[in-house]
Amino acid sequence: MTTEDPIVRMWALTPHMEDHLVEHDFILEWVMAIHMPQPGSKEVRTRLNPAYSLWPVPCGYCVAAKPMWSRRGARPATGVCRPRMSTEPASGHASTLVTQEMDGDGPTPVGRHLVEWRIRRGITVASMATRSGLPEQLIRELEAGRDWVDQRRILSALASGLRLDPAELTGQPYMPSGSDHSAVHSLVWHARQHLARALSVDSALGEAAPERLAVLVEGLQASDDAGDLAAAALKVPRLLELAGSPQPGDADRGAATLRAAAHVCVGRLLRRLGYWDLAWSMLRQAGPPAEVRPVVLGEEVRLLLDMGQAELAISRVARGEIDIPAEVLLPLAVAHATLGQEAESDRLLASAHEKAIDAQQQSQAAAAGAFVAAERGSYDSVLERAASAVRLPAGDRSALLVLTSSARARLGLYGAASEDLVAAETIAPLHTRLDPLARELVSVLLVRARAHAEELGAMAVRFGMR
């Protein structure tokens, strides 16, 4: 290593050494690894911090690793093996493509985004631990690919420590991969057009066709429950055209309720895609009918949870709610579990079980209990509670299988974890591919479940991860 101020040069860099350099105010500028006959060589990958993207240099005998930041913006001298490099991440550049194609030892999607953002922010692992309230060792293991994120509280803490939206760490919304994903993604354009019309001065209600609107709302809800998001998305353009925007004082209360239900359905689809701002705007259009207030409130809680705002989710329900509706109890229990409020979470789950009137509602309460157990890190309890959730719609069933897959992986049952993940995608393909925790598991199991490597590799392609 040489220290020609303001540049530090070395042959290999570890996360620990990087922290020492930052603490002593050295400038990290570039890293070069020798003996690299092919891009993606495992020998060289293990010697480089995961924050660096590998790309071949013209001479063919070495590879330069592109850093994601520079303390004072200095750049290395140019030359055959020292091309001029930007200090910003090169999204879509060949270097990131090489990184994305790594199918082994690197961090999971959240771990990769974590280390990139941490370095871009210019903070050390120790500082990141202080900011997030998480153990320093956990952050190191996430960045090195030895651990993964399967709890909302961990994801929220990491995002909070970096002053980010959780979507920046999960990579949402994901680029369309496959025709079904593209079809669902297209509803974003229709949602924006609808909201723009709703804000215009001459906005009007849709056609007076409540029967047709009722059929579309029912069909969209059924497709969503079945996990068929593509079929649900195809109903959105006509549904929004008919729905218009609910207005205060609507004479036809039944039509107003239908319009509100339509907006909730579309908001739920937008949330699954990761367009949280649009989802929130769509829920604001749901209007005031008391008949749909519990459904709107329940979807708001789920949306705020995805946004890493458990405290806001709880306060939104607490505001004037004496008897919490059944539709809100389950996501609210998860919100309390995310904050470590176990007693309140258990109380809400017990209340949900009491209010359940059929086998499906009992199963939904059991599934929520499994998600609560996951937030506590009680993986045996996750599997026990999930076993009781036998009557779930396909979409909910696939989400639960992703959860049990992660629990089995935590318990070292990698083969069974792979089978659960495959089953989840079989039941509700796109529903599973849009789940950020499922994407984490694909990365984890590719390394740990060697017997299923081919199947998981094909899954990674379908997820758009390769």
Protein backbone atom coordinates (compact mmCIF):
# COMPACT_ATOMS: atom_id res chain seq x y z
CA MET A 1 0.00 0.00 0.00
CA THR A 2 1.20 3.51 -0.78
CA THR A 3 -0.16 6.73 0.66
CA GLU A 4 0.34 9.51 -1.83
CA ASP A 5 -1.96 12.10 -0.39
CA PRO A 6 -4.78 12.42 -1.22
CA ILE A 7 -4.91 8.90 -2.75
CA VAL A 8 -4.66 5.50 -1.05
CA ARG A 9 -3.70 2.54 -3.26
CA MET A 10 -3.60 -1.14 -2.36
CA TRP A 11 -3.95 -4.57 -3.94
CA ALA A 12 -6.80 -5.86 -1.77
CA LEU A 13 -9.26 -4.23 0.58
CA THR A 14 -11.33 -5.80 3.36
CA PRO A 15 -14.33 -4.18 5.11
CA HIS A 16 -12.29 -3.90 8.35
CA MET A 17 -9.40 -2.18 6.58
CA GLU A 18 -11.83 0.14 4.85
CA ASP A 19 -13.22 1.30 8.20
CA HIS A 20 -9.72 2.04 9.48
CA LEU A 21 -8.96 4.10 6.38
CA VAL A 22 -12.11 6.17 6.79
CA GLU A 23 -11.49 6.71 10.49
CA HIS A 24 -8.01 8.06 9.71
CA ASP A 25 -9.35 10.33 6.96
CA PHE A 26 -7.63 8.58 4.06
CA ILE A 27 -9.23 8.85 0.66
CA LEU A 28 -10.46 5.61 -0.88
CA GLU A 29 -10.05 6.00 -4.62
CA TRP A 30 -9.61 2.69 -6.42
CA VAL A 31 -8.70 -0.96 -5.97
CA MET A 32 -6.96 -3.26 -8.42
CA ALA A 33 -6.93 -7.05 -8.27
CA ILE A 34 -4.28 -9.00 -10.20
CA HIS A 35 -4.55 -12.52 -11.67
CA MET A 36 -8.05 -12.26 -13.05
CA PRO A 37 -8.35 -14.21 -16.31
CA GLN A 38 -12.16 -13.92 -16.43
CA PRO A 39 -14.63 -11.35 -15.04
CA GLY A 40 -16.42 -12.76 -12.01
CA SER A 41 -13.50 -14.95 -10.92
CA LYS A 42 -14.31 -16.35 -7.49
CA GLU A 43 -10.69 -15.98 -6.39
CA VAL A 44 -10.78 -12.24 -6.87
CA ARG A 45 -14.37 -11.74 -5.69
CA THR A 46 -13.53 -13.05 -2.26
CA ARG A 47 -10.68 -10.54 -1.98
CA LEU A 48 -12.81 -7.49 -2.71
CA ASN A 49 -15.32 -5.61 -0.63
CA PRO A 50 -18.84 -6.33 -1.99
CA ALA A 51 -19.28 -2.59 -2.55
CA TYR A 52 -16.97 -2.80 -5.55
CA SER A 53 -18.07 -3.73 -9.03
CA LEU A 54 -15.61 -5.69 -11.17
CA TRP A 55 -14.97 -4.80 -14.79
CA PRO A 56 -12.19 -5.80 -17.23
CA VAL A 57 -9.42 -3.38 -18.13
CA PRO A 58 -8.20 -3.21 -21.77
CA CYS A 59 -4.85 -4.88 -21.05
CA GLY A 60 -6.63 -8.16 -20.17
CA TYR A 61 -4.28 -9.05 -17.31
CA CYS A 62 -6.00 -7.29 -14.45
CA VAL A 63 -9.34 -6.03 -13.29
CA ALA A 64 -10.10 -2.70 -11.69
CA ALA A 65 -12.74 -2.44 -9.01
CA LYS A 66 -14.85 0.66 -9.29
CA PRO A 67 -15.38 2.36 -5.90
CA MET A 68 -18.78 3.79 -5.05
CA TRP A 69 -17.50 6.97 -3.40
CA SER A 70 -14.53 9.22 -2.76
CA ARG A 71 -13.99 11.37 0.30
CA ARG A 72 -12.78 14.45 -1.59
CA GLY A 73 -13.60 13.55 -5.16
CA ALA A 74 -9.98 12.85 -6.17
CA ARG A 75 -9.42 10.57 -9.16
CA PRO A 76 -6.52 8.27 -10.02
CA ALA A 77 -4.08 8.99 -12.79
CA THR A 78 -5.08 7.61 -16.17
CA GLY A 79 -3.14 4.85 -17.88
CA VAL A 80 -3.44 1.43 -19.46
CA CYS A 81 -4.67 -0.18 -16.24
CA ARG A 82 -5.95 2.97 -14.56
CA PRO A 83 -8.92 4.23 -16.55
CA ARG A 84 -10.61 7.37 -15.35
CA MET A 85 -13.53 6.40 -13.11
CA SER A 86 -16.57 8.25 -11.81
CA THR A 87 -17.13 8.23 -8.07
CA GLU A 88 -20.87 7.60 -8.51
CA PRO A 89 -22.48 4.16 -8.98
CA ALA A 90 -22.81 3.28 -12.66
CA SER A 91 -26.32 1.84 -12.87
CA GLY A 92 -26.60 -0.22 -16.04
CA HIS A 93 -22.85 -0.04 -16.67
CA ALA A 94 -21.03 -3.27 -17.50
CA SER A 95 -19.59 -3.28 -13.99
CA THR A 96 -23.03 -3.59 -12.39
CA LEU A 97 -24.02 -6.27 -14.88
CA VAL A 98 -21.06 -8.38 -13.82
CA THR A 99 -22.04 -7.88 -10.18
CA GLN A 100 -25.65 -8.88 -10.84
CA GLU A 101 -24.58 -12.09 -12.57
CA MET A 102 -22.61 -13.32 -9.57
CA ASP A 103 -24.48 -16.35 -8.32
CA GLY A 104 -22.50 -17.29 -5.30
CA ASP A 105 -20.63 -15.62 -2.54
CA GLY A 106 -21.86 -12.02 -2.64
CA PRO A 107 -24.46 -10.36 -0.44
CA THR A 108 -28.20 -10.62 -0.99
CA PRO A 109 -30.02 -7.75 -2.74
CA VAL A 110 -30.56 -5.85 0.52
CA GLY A 111 -26.96 -6.49 1.62
CA ARG A 112 -25.63 -5.24 -1.71
CA HIS A 113 -27.72 -2.07 -1.60
CA LEU A 114 -26.77 -1.57 2.04
CA VAL A 115 -23.05 -1.52 1.41
CA GLU A 116 -23.42 0.70 -1.67
CA TRP A 117 -25.50 3.27 0.19
CA ARG A 118 -23.31 3.16 3.28
CA ILE A 119 -20.21 3.89 1.23
CA ARG A 120 -22.03 6.53 -0.81
CA ARG A 121 -22.99 8.20 2.45
CA GLY A 122 -19.36 8.02 3.58
CA ILE A 123 -20.02 6.35 6.93
CA THR A 124 -18.27 3.43 8.60
CA VAL A 125 -19.82 0.17 9.74
CA ALA A 126 -19.47 1.31 13.35
CA SER A 127 -21.28 4.55 12.58
CA MET A 128 -23.96 2.62 10.71
CA ALA A 129 -24.50 0.43 13.78
CA THR A 130 -24.94 3.54 15.94
CA ARG A 131 -27.35 5.14 13.49
CA SER A 132 -29.52 2.06 13.04
CA GLY A 133 -29.33 0.63 16.55
CA LEU A 134 -28.31 -2.74 15.10
CA PRO A 135 -25.25 -4.80 16.11
CA GLU A 136 -22.11 -3.98 14.16
CA GLN A 137 -21.53 -7.69 13.54
CA LEU A 138 -24.94 -8.04 11.88
CA ILE A 139 -24.18 -5.21 9.47
CA ARG A 140 -20.83 -6.78 8.56
CA GLU A 141 -22.47 -10.14 7.95
CA LEU A 142 -25.20 -8.60 5.79
CA GLU A 143 -22.61 -6.82 3.67
CA ALA A 144 -20.44 -9.93 3.36
CA GLY A 145 -23.35 -12.18 2.36
CA ARG A 146 -23.30 -14.30 5.51
CA ASP A 147 -26.73 -13.10 6.66
CA TRP A 148 -29.93 -11.83 5.08
CA VAL A 149 -32.93 -9.68 5.97
CA ASP A 150 -36.20 -11.40 6.81
CA GLN A 151 -37.63 -9.04 9.42
CA ARG A 152 -39.39 -5.72 8.88
CA ARG A 153 -37.73 -4.21 11.93
CA ILE A 154 -34.24 -4.94 10.54
CA LEU A 155 -35.09 -3.47 7.14
CA SER A 156 -36.68 -0.41 8.73
CA ALA A 157 -33.72 0.13 11.05
CA LEU A 158 -31.23 -0.08 8.18
CA ALA A 159 -33.26 2.34 6.07
CA SER A 160 -33.62 4.73 9.00
CA GLY A 161 -29.89 4.63 9.68
CA LEU A 162 -29.18 5.63 6.09
CA ARG A 163 -32.06 8.14 5.93
CA LEU A 164 -33.65 6.14 3.13
CA ASP A 165 -36.96 4.70 2.15
CA PRO A 166 -36.86 0.89 2.57
CA ALA A 167 -37.50 0.59 -1.16
CA GLU A 168 -34.00 1.93 -1.78
CA LEU A 169 -32.63 -1.14 -0.01
CA THR A 170 -34.98 -3.69 -1.56
CA GLY A 171 -34.69 -2.21 -5.05
CA GLN A 172 -38.41 -1.60 -5.52
CA PRO A 173 -40.13 -0.99 -7.84
CA TYR A 174 -38.48 -3.75 -9.86
CA MET A 175 -37.90 -3.46 -13.57
CA PRO A 176 -40.49 -5.51 -15.48
CA SER A 177 -39.34 -9.07 -16.12
CA GLY A 178 -41.61 -11.10 -18.37
CA SER A 179 -44.91 -10.30 -20.08
CA ASP A 180 -47.05 -10.66 -16.94
CA HIS A 181 -44.85 -8.27 -14.96
CA SER A 182 -44.95 -5.79 -17.85
CA ALA A 183 -48.75 -6.00 -17.96
CA VAL A 184 -49.02 -5.28 -14.24
CA HIS A 185 -46.46 -2.50 -14.48
CA SER A 186 -48.56 -0.75 -17.12
CA LEU A 187 -51.29 -0.05 -14.57
CA VAL A 188 -48.98 2.62 -13.10
CA TRP A 189 -49.60 4.80 -16.17
CA HIS A 190 -53.37 4.39 -15.83
CA ALA A 191 -53.18 5.21 -12.12
CA ARG A 192 -51.28 8.43 -12.79
CA GLN A 193 -53.75 9.46 -15.50
CA HIS A 194 -56.66 8.77 -13.18
CA LEU A 195 -55.18 10.78 -10.32
CA ALA A 196 -54.41 13.67 -12.65
CA ARG A 197 -58.03 13.74 -13.84
CA ALA A 198 -59.25 13.56 -10.23
CA LEU A 199 -57.27 16.70 -9.40
CA SER A 200 -58.58 18.67 -12.36
CA VAL A 201 -61.27 21.29 -11.86
CA ASP A 202 -63.75 19.62 -14.19
CA SER A 203 -63.27 16.11 -12.81
CA ALA A 204 -66.43 14.06 -12.96
CA LEU A 205 -67.68 10.69 -11.90
CA GLY A 206 -67.46 7.78 -14.27
CA GLU A 207 -70.34 6.40 -16.26
CA ALA A 208 -73.42 5.52 -14.26
CA ALA A 209 -72.92 1.76 -14.51
CA PRO A 210 -72.78 0.44 -10.94
CA GLU A 211 -73.54 -3.13 -12.03
CA ARG A 212 -70.55 -3.23 -14.39
CA LEU A 213 -68.34 -1.56 -11.78
CA ALA A 214 -69.42 -4.13 -9.17
CA VAL A 215 -68.45 -6.98 -11.52
CA LEU A 216 -65.02 -5.44 -12.15
CA VAL A 217 -64.35 -4.81 -8.45
CA GLU A 218 -65.36 -8.34 -7.55
CA GLY A 219 -63.26 -9.77 -10.38
CA LEU A 220 -60.20 -7.73 -9.43
CA GLN A 221 -60.50 -8.77 -5.76
CA ALA A 222 -60.84 -12.42 -6.78
CA SER A 223 -57.79 -12.24 -9.07
CA ASP A 224 -55.75 -10.54 -6.35
CA ASP A 225 -56.78 -13.14 -3.77
CA ALA A 226 -55.79 -15.88 -6.22
CA GLY A 227 -52.37 -14.29 -6.64
CA ASP A 228 -53.01 -13.64 -10.35
CA LEU A 229 -51.81 -10.05 -10.45
CA ALA A 230 -51.67 -9.95 -14.25
CA ALA A 231 -55.39 -10.76 -14.54
CA ALA A 232 -56.13 -8.20 -11.85
CA ALA A 233 -54.12 -5.50 -13.61
CA LEU A 234 -55.94 -6.03 -16.91
CA LYS A 235 -59.19 -4.97 -15.22
CA VAL A 236 -57.75 -1.70 -13.88
CA PRO A 237 -58.10 0.64 -16.93
CA ARG A 238 -61.81 0.02 -17.37
CA LEU A 239 -62.38 -0.04 -13.61
CA LEU A 240 -60.83 3.40 -13.13
CA GLU A 241 -62.75 4.73 -16.10
CA LEU A 242 -66.03 3.65 -14.52
CA ALA A 243 -65.09 4.57 -10.96
CA GLY A 244 -64.20 8.22 -11.37
CA SER A 245 -63.59 9.92 -8.02
CA PRO A 246 -65.93 9.66 -5.04
CA GLN A 247 -67.37 13.06 -4.17
CA PRO A 248 -68.59 14.37 -0.78
CA GLY A 249 -72.35 14.08 -0.60
CA ASP A 250 -72.78 11.43 -3.28
CA ALA A 251 -76.49 10.73 -3.53
CA ASP A 252 -75.98 7.08 -4.45
CA ARG A 253 -74.29 5.63 -1.37
CA GLY A 254 -73.99 2.19 -2.97
CA ALA A 255 -72.14 3.61 -5.98
CA ALA A 256 -69.86 5.64 -3.69
CA THR A 257 -68.97 2.48 -1.77
CA LEU A 258 -68.16 0.68 -5.03
CA ARG A 259 -65.94 3.55 -6.17
CA ALA A 260 -64.10 3.50 -2.86
CA ALA A 261 -63.59 -0.28 -3.06
CA ALA A 262 -62.21 0.13 -6.59
CA HIS A 263 -59.60 2.62 -5.39
CA VAL A 264 -58.57 0.34 -2.53
CA CYS A 265 -58.08 -2.57 -4.95
CA VAL A 266 -55.88 -0.50 -7.25
CA GLY A 267 -53.97 0.93 -4.28
CA ARG A 268 -53.22 -2.61 -3.10
CA LEU A 269 -51.80 -3.55 -6.51
CA LEU A 270 -49.64 -0.41 -6.56
CA ARG A 271 -48.34 -1.26 -3.09
CA ARG A 272 -47.32 -4.74 -4.25
CA LEU A 273 -45.44 -3.17 -7.17
CA GLY A 274 -43.60 -0.80 -4.82
CA TYR A 275 -45.24 2.47 -6.01
CA TRP A 276 -46.09 3.55 -2.50
CA ASP A 277 -46.69 7.23 -3.23
CA LEU A 278 -49.23 6.36 -5.92
CA ALA A 279 -50.80 3.75 -3.65
CA TRP A 280 -51.27 6.33 -0.90
CA SER A 281 -52.79 8.84 -3.33
CA MET A 282 -55.17 6.16 -4.59
CA LEU A 283 -56.28 5.36 -1.04
CA ARG A 284 -56.92 9.08 -0.43
CA GLN A 285 -59.34 8.89 -3.37
CA ALA A 286 -61.30 6.12 -1.67
CA GLY A 287 -63.57 8.71 -0.08
CA PRO A 288 -65.59 8.75 3.11
CA PRO A 289 -68.17 5.90 2.94
CA ALA A 290 -68.26 4.28 6.37
CA GLU A 291 -68.84 0.87 4.79
CA VAL A 292 -65.29 0.75 3.38
CA ARG A 293 -63.47 2.58 6.15
CA PRO A 294 -62.14 -0.63 7.79
CA VAL A 295 -60.78 -1.90 4.47
CA VAL A 296 -59.17 1.45 3.66
CA LEU A 297 -57.66 1.66 7.14
CA GLY A 298 -56.30 -1.89 6.95
CA GLU A 299 -54.64 -1.17 3.60
CA GLU A 300 -53.18 2.07 4.97
CA VAL A 301 -51.62 0.15 7.86
CA ARG A 302 -50.07 -2.39 5.44
CA LEU A 303 -48.76 0.40 3.24
CA LEU A 304 -47.20 2.27 6.17
CA LEU A 305 -45.59 -0.99 7.33
CA ASP A 306 -44.03 -1.49 3.90
CA MET A 307 -42.76 2.08 4.09
CA GLY A 308 -41.05 1.33 7.41
CA GLN A 309 -43.45 3.56 9.34
CA ALA A 310 -44.84 1.22 12.01
CA GLU A 311 -45.27 4.07 14.51
CA LEU A 312 -47.40 6.02 12.04
CA ALA A 313 -49.44 2.92 11.26
CA ILE A 314 -50.25 2.47 14.94
CA SER A 315 -51.03 6.14 15.56
CA ARG A 316 -53.31 6.24 12.52
CA VAL A 317 -55.47 3.47 13.96
CA ALA A 318 -55.35 4.81 17.50
CA ARG A 319 -56.74 8.15 16.37
CA GLY A 320 -60.37 7.93 17.50
CA GLU A 321 -60.72 4.14 17.13
CA ILE A 322 -62.58 2.61 20.06
CA ASP A 323 -63.35 -0.81 18.61
CA ILE A 324 -60.66 -1.76 16.08
CA PRO A 325 -62.22 -3.36 12.98
CA ALA A 326 -61.33 -7.00 12.27
CA GLU A 327 -59.68 -6.05 8.96
CA VAL A 328 -57.20 -3.84 10.83
CA LEU A 329 -56.31 -6.07 13.78
CA LEU A 330 -53.89 -8.37 11.94
CA PRO A 331 -51.63 -5.81 10.21
CA LEU A 332 -51.74 -3.74 13.40
CA ALA A 333 -50.49 -6.76 15.40
CA VAL A 334 -47.54 -7.05 13.01
CA ALA A 335 -46.85 -3.31 13.39
CA HIS A 336 -46.59 -3.68 17.18
CA ALA A 337 -44.35 -6.75 16.78
CA THR A 338 -42.08 -4.73 14.48
CA LEU A 339 -41.58 -2.27 17.34
CA GLY A 340 -40.98 -5.03 19.87
CA GLN A 341 -44.29 -4.45 21.64
CA GLU A 342 -45.04 -8.12 22.26
CA ALA A 343 -47.85 -7.80 24.82
CA GLU A 344 -49.94 -5.51 22.63
CA SER A 345 -49.24 -7.65 19.59
CA ASP A 346 -50.45 -10.78 21.41
CA ARG A 347 -53.56 -8.95 22.63
CA LEU A 348 -54.49 -7.92 19.10
CA LEU A 349 -53.93 -11.44 17.77
CA ALA A 350 -56.16 -12.87 20.51
CA SER A 351 -58.85 -10.33 19.63
CA ALA A 352 -58.62 -11.29 15.96
CA HIS A 353 -59.07 -14.97 16.81
CA GLU A 354 -62.16 -14.11 18.86
CA LYS A 355 -63.70 -12.11 16.03
CA ALA A 356 -62.98 -14.73 13.35
CA ILE A 357 -66.26 -16.16 12.10
CA ASP A 358 -65.05 -18.86 9.71
CA ALA A 359 -62.09 -21.10 8.90
CA GLN A 360 -60.55 -18.60 6.49
CA GLN A 361 -60.48 -15.82 9.05
CA GLN A 362 -59.02 -18.21 11.63
CA SER A 363 -56.31 -19.14 9.12
CA GLN A 364 -55.57 -15.49 8.43
CA ALA A 365 -55.15 -14.87 12.16
CA ALA A 366 -52.80 -17.87 12.40
CA ALA A 367 -50.78 -16.57 9.43
CA ALA A 368 -50.50 -13.15 11.09
CA GLY A 369 -49.24 -14.94 14.20
CA ALA A 370 -46.52 -16.52 12.09
CA PHE A 371 -45.41 -13.10 10.82
CA VAL A 372 -45.40 -11.80 14.40
CA ALA A 373 -43.24 -14.77 15.47
CA ALA A 374 -40.81 -14.02 12.63
CA GLU A 375 -40.36 -10.45 13.89
CA ARG A 376 -39.40 -11.94 17.25
CA GLY A 377 -36.95 -14.37 15.66
CA SER A 378 -38.92 -17.38 16.94
CA TYR A 379 -38.60 -19.57 13.85
CA ASP A 380 -39.97 -22.78 15.37
CA SER A 381 -43.07 -20.82 16.32
CA VAL A 382 -43.32 -19.51 12.74
CA LEU A 383 -43.61 -23.08 11.44
CA GLU A 384 -46.02 -24.12 14.19
CA ARG A 385 -48.41 -21.22 13.58
CA ALA A 386 -48.17 -21.50 9.81
CA ALA A 387 -49.27 -25.14 10.02
CA SER A 388 -52.62 -23.93 11.39
CA ALA A 389 -53.25 -21.60 8.44
CA VAL A 390 -54.86 -24.16 6.15
CA ARG A 391 -57.59 -22.06 4.51
CA LEU A 392 -55.88 -19.10 2.86
CA PRO A 393 -56.35 -17.54 -0.59
CA ALA A 394 -53.51 -18.33 -2.97
CA GLY A 395 -51.92 -14.89 -2.66
CA ASP A 396 -51.79 -15.07 1.13
CA ARG A 397 -50.66 -18.68 0.97
CA SER A 398 -47.69 -17.80 -1.23
CA ALA A 399 -46.62 -15.02 1.17
CA LEU A 400 -46.80 -17.46 4.07
CA LEU A 401 -44.69 -20.01 2.17
CA VAL A 402 -42.01 -17.37 1.62
CA LEU A 403 -42.06 -16.78 5.37
CA THR A 404 -41.77 -20.49 6.23
CA SER A 405 -39.01 -20.83 3.65
CA SER A 406 -37.01 -18.17 5.48
CA ALA A 407 -37.74 -19.80 8.85
CA ARG A 408 -36.52 -23.19 7.59
CA ALA A 409 -33.39 -21.56 6.18
CA ARG A 410 -32.71 -19.99 9.59
CA LEU A 411 -33.02 -23.45 11.12
CA GLY A 412 -30.56 -24.88 8.59
CA LEU A 413 -33.22 -26.82 6.64
CA TYR A 414 -32.13 -25.50 3.26
CA GLY A 415 -33.68 -28.23 1.15
CA ALA A 416 -37.11 -27.76 2.76
CA ALA A 417 -36.69 -23.99 2.49
CA SER A 418 -36.10 -24.33 -1.26
CA GLU A 419 -39.19 -26.50 -1.64
CA ASP A 420 -41.35 -23.91 0.15
CA LEU A 421 -40.01 -21.13 -2.06
CA VAL A 422 -40.66 -23.14 -5.22
CA ALA A 423 -44.18 -23.90 -3.99
CA ALA A 424 -44.84 -20.21 -3.34
CA GLU A 425 -43.87 -19.29 -6.90
CA THR A 426 -45.97 -22.15 -8.29
CA ILE A 427 -49.07 -21.00 -6.43
CA ALA A 428 -48.76 -17.27 -7.20
CA PRO A 429 -45.83 -16.60 -9.58
CA LEU A 430 -45.78 -12.82 -9.89
CA HIS A 431 -47.02 -12.31 -6.34
CA THR A 432 -43.91 -14.16 -5.15
CA ARG A 433 -41.49 -12.51 -7.58
CA LEU A 434 -42.51 -9.07 -6.32
CA ASP A 435 -41.86 -10.04 -2.68
CA PRO A 436 -38.49 -8.54 -1.62
CA LEU A 437 -38.03 -11.24 1.04
CA ALA A 438 -38.43 -13.92 -1.63
CA ARG A 439 -35.64 -12.28 -3.61
CA GLU A 440 -33.45 -12.33 -0.53
CA LEU A 441 -34.09 -16.06 -0.19
CA VAL A 442 -33.23 -16.81 -3.80
CA SER A 443 -29.77 -15.35 -3.18
CA VAL A 444 -29.39 -17.17 0.14
CA LEU A 445 -30.49 -20.59 -1.08
CA LEU A 446 -28.44 -20.45 -4.27
CA VAL A 447 -25.38 -20.71 -2.03
CA ARG A 448 -26.71 -22.99 0.68
CA ALA A 449 -29.05 -25.42 -1.11
CA ARG A 450 -26.69 -26.89 -3.69
CA ALA A 451 -29.03 -29.79 -4.48
CA HIS A 452 -31.59 -27.25 -5.75
CA ALA A 453 -29.08 -24.95 -7.47
CA GLU A 454 -30.41 -25.51 -10.99
CA GLU A 455 -34.02 -24.93 -9.98
CA LEU A 456 -33.13 -21.84 -7.95
CA GLY A 457 -30.97 -20.50 -10.76
CA ALA A 458 -33.91 -20.71 -13.15
CA MET A 459 -36.04 -18.99 -10.52
CA ALA A 460 -33.51 -16.15 -10.28
CA VAL A 461 -33.85 -15.63 -14.04
CA ARG A 462 -37.64 -15.46 -13.77
CA PHE A 463 -37.30 -12.99 -10.92
CA GLY A 464 -35.19 -10.76 -13.19
CA MET A 465 -32.22 -11.09 -10.84
CA ARG A 466 -29.89 -12.32 -13.60
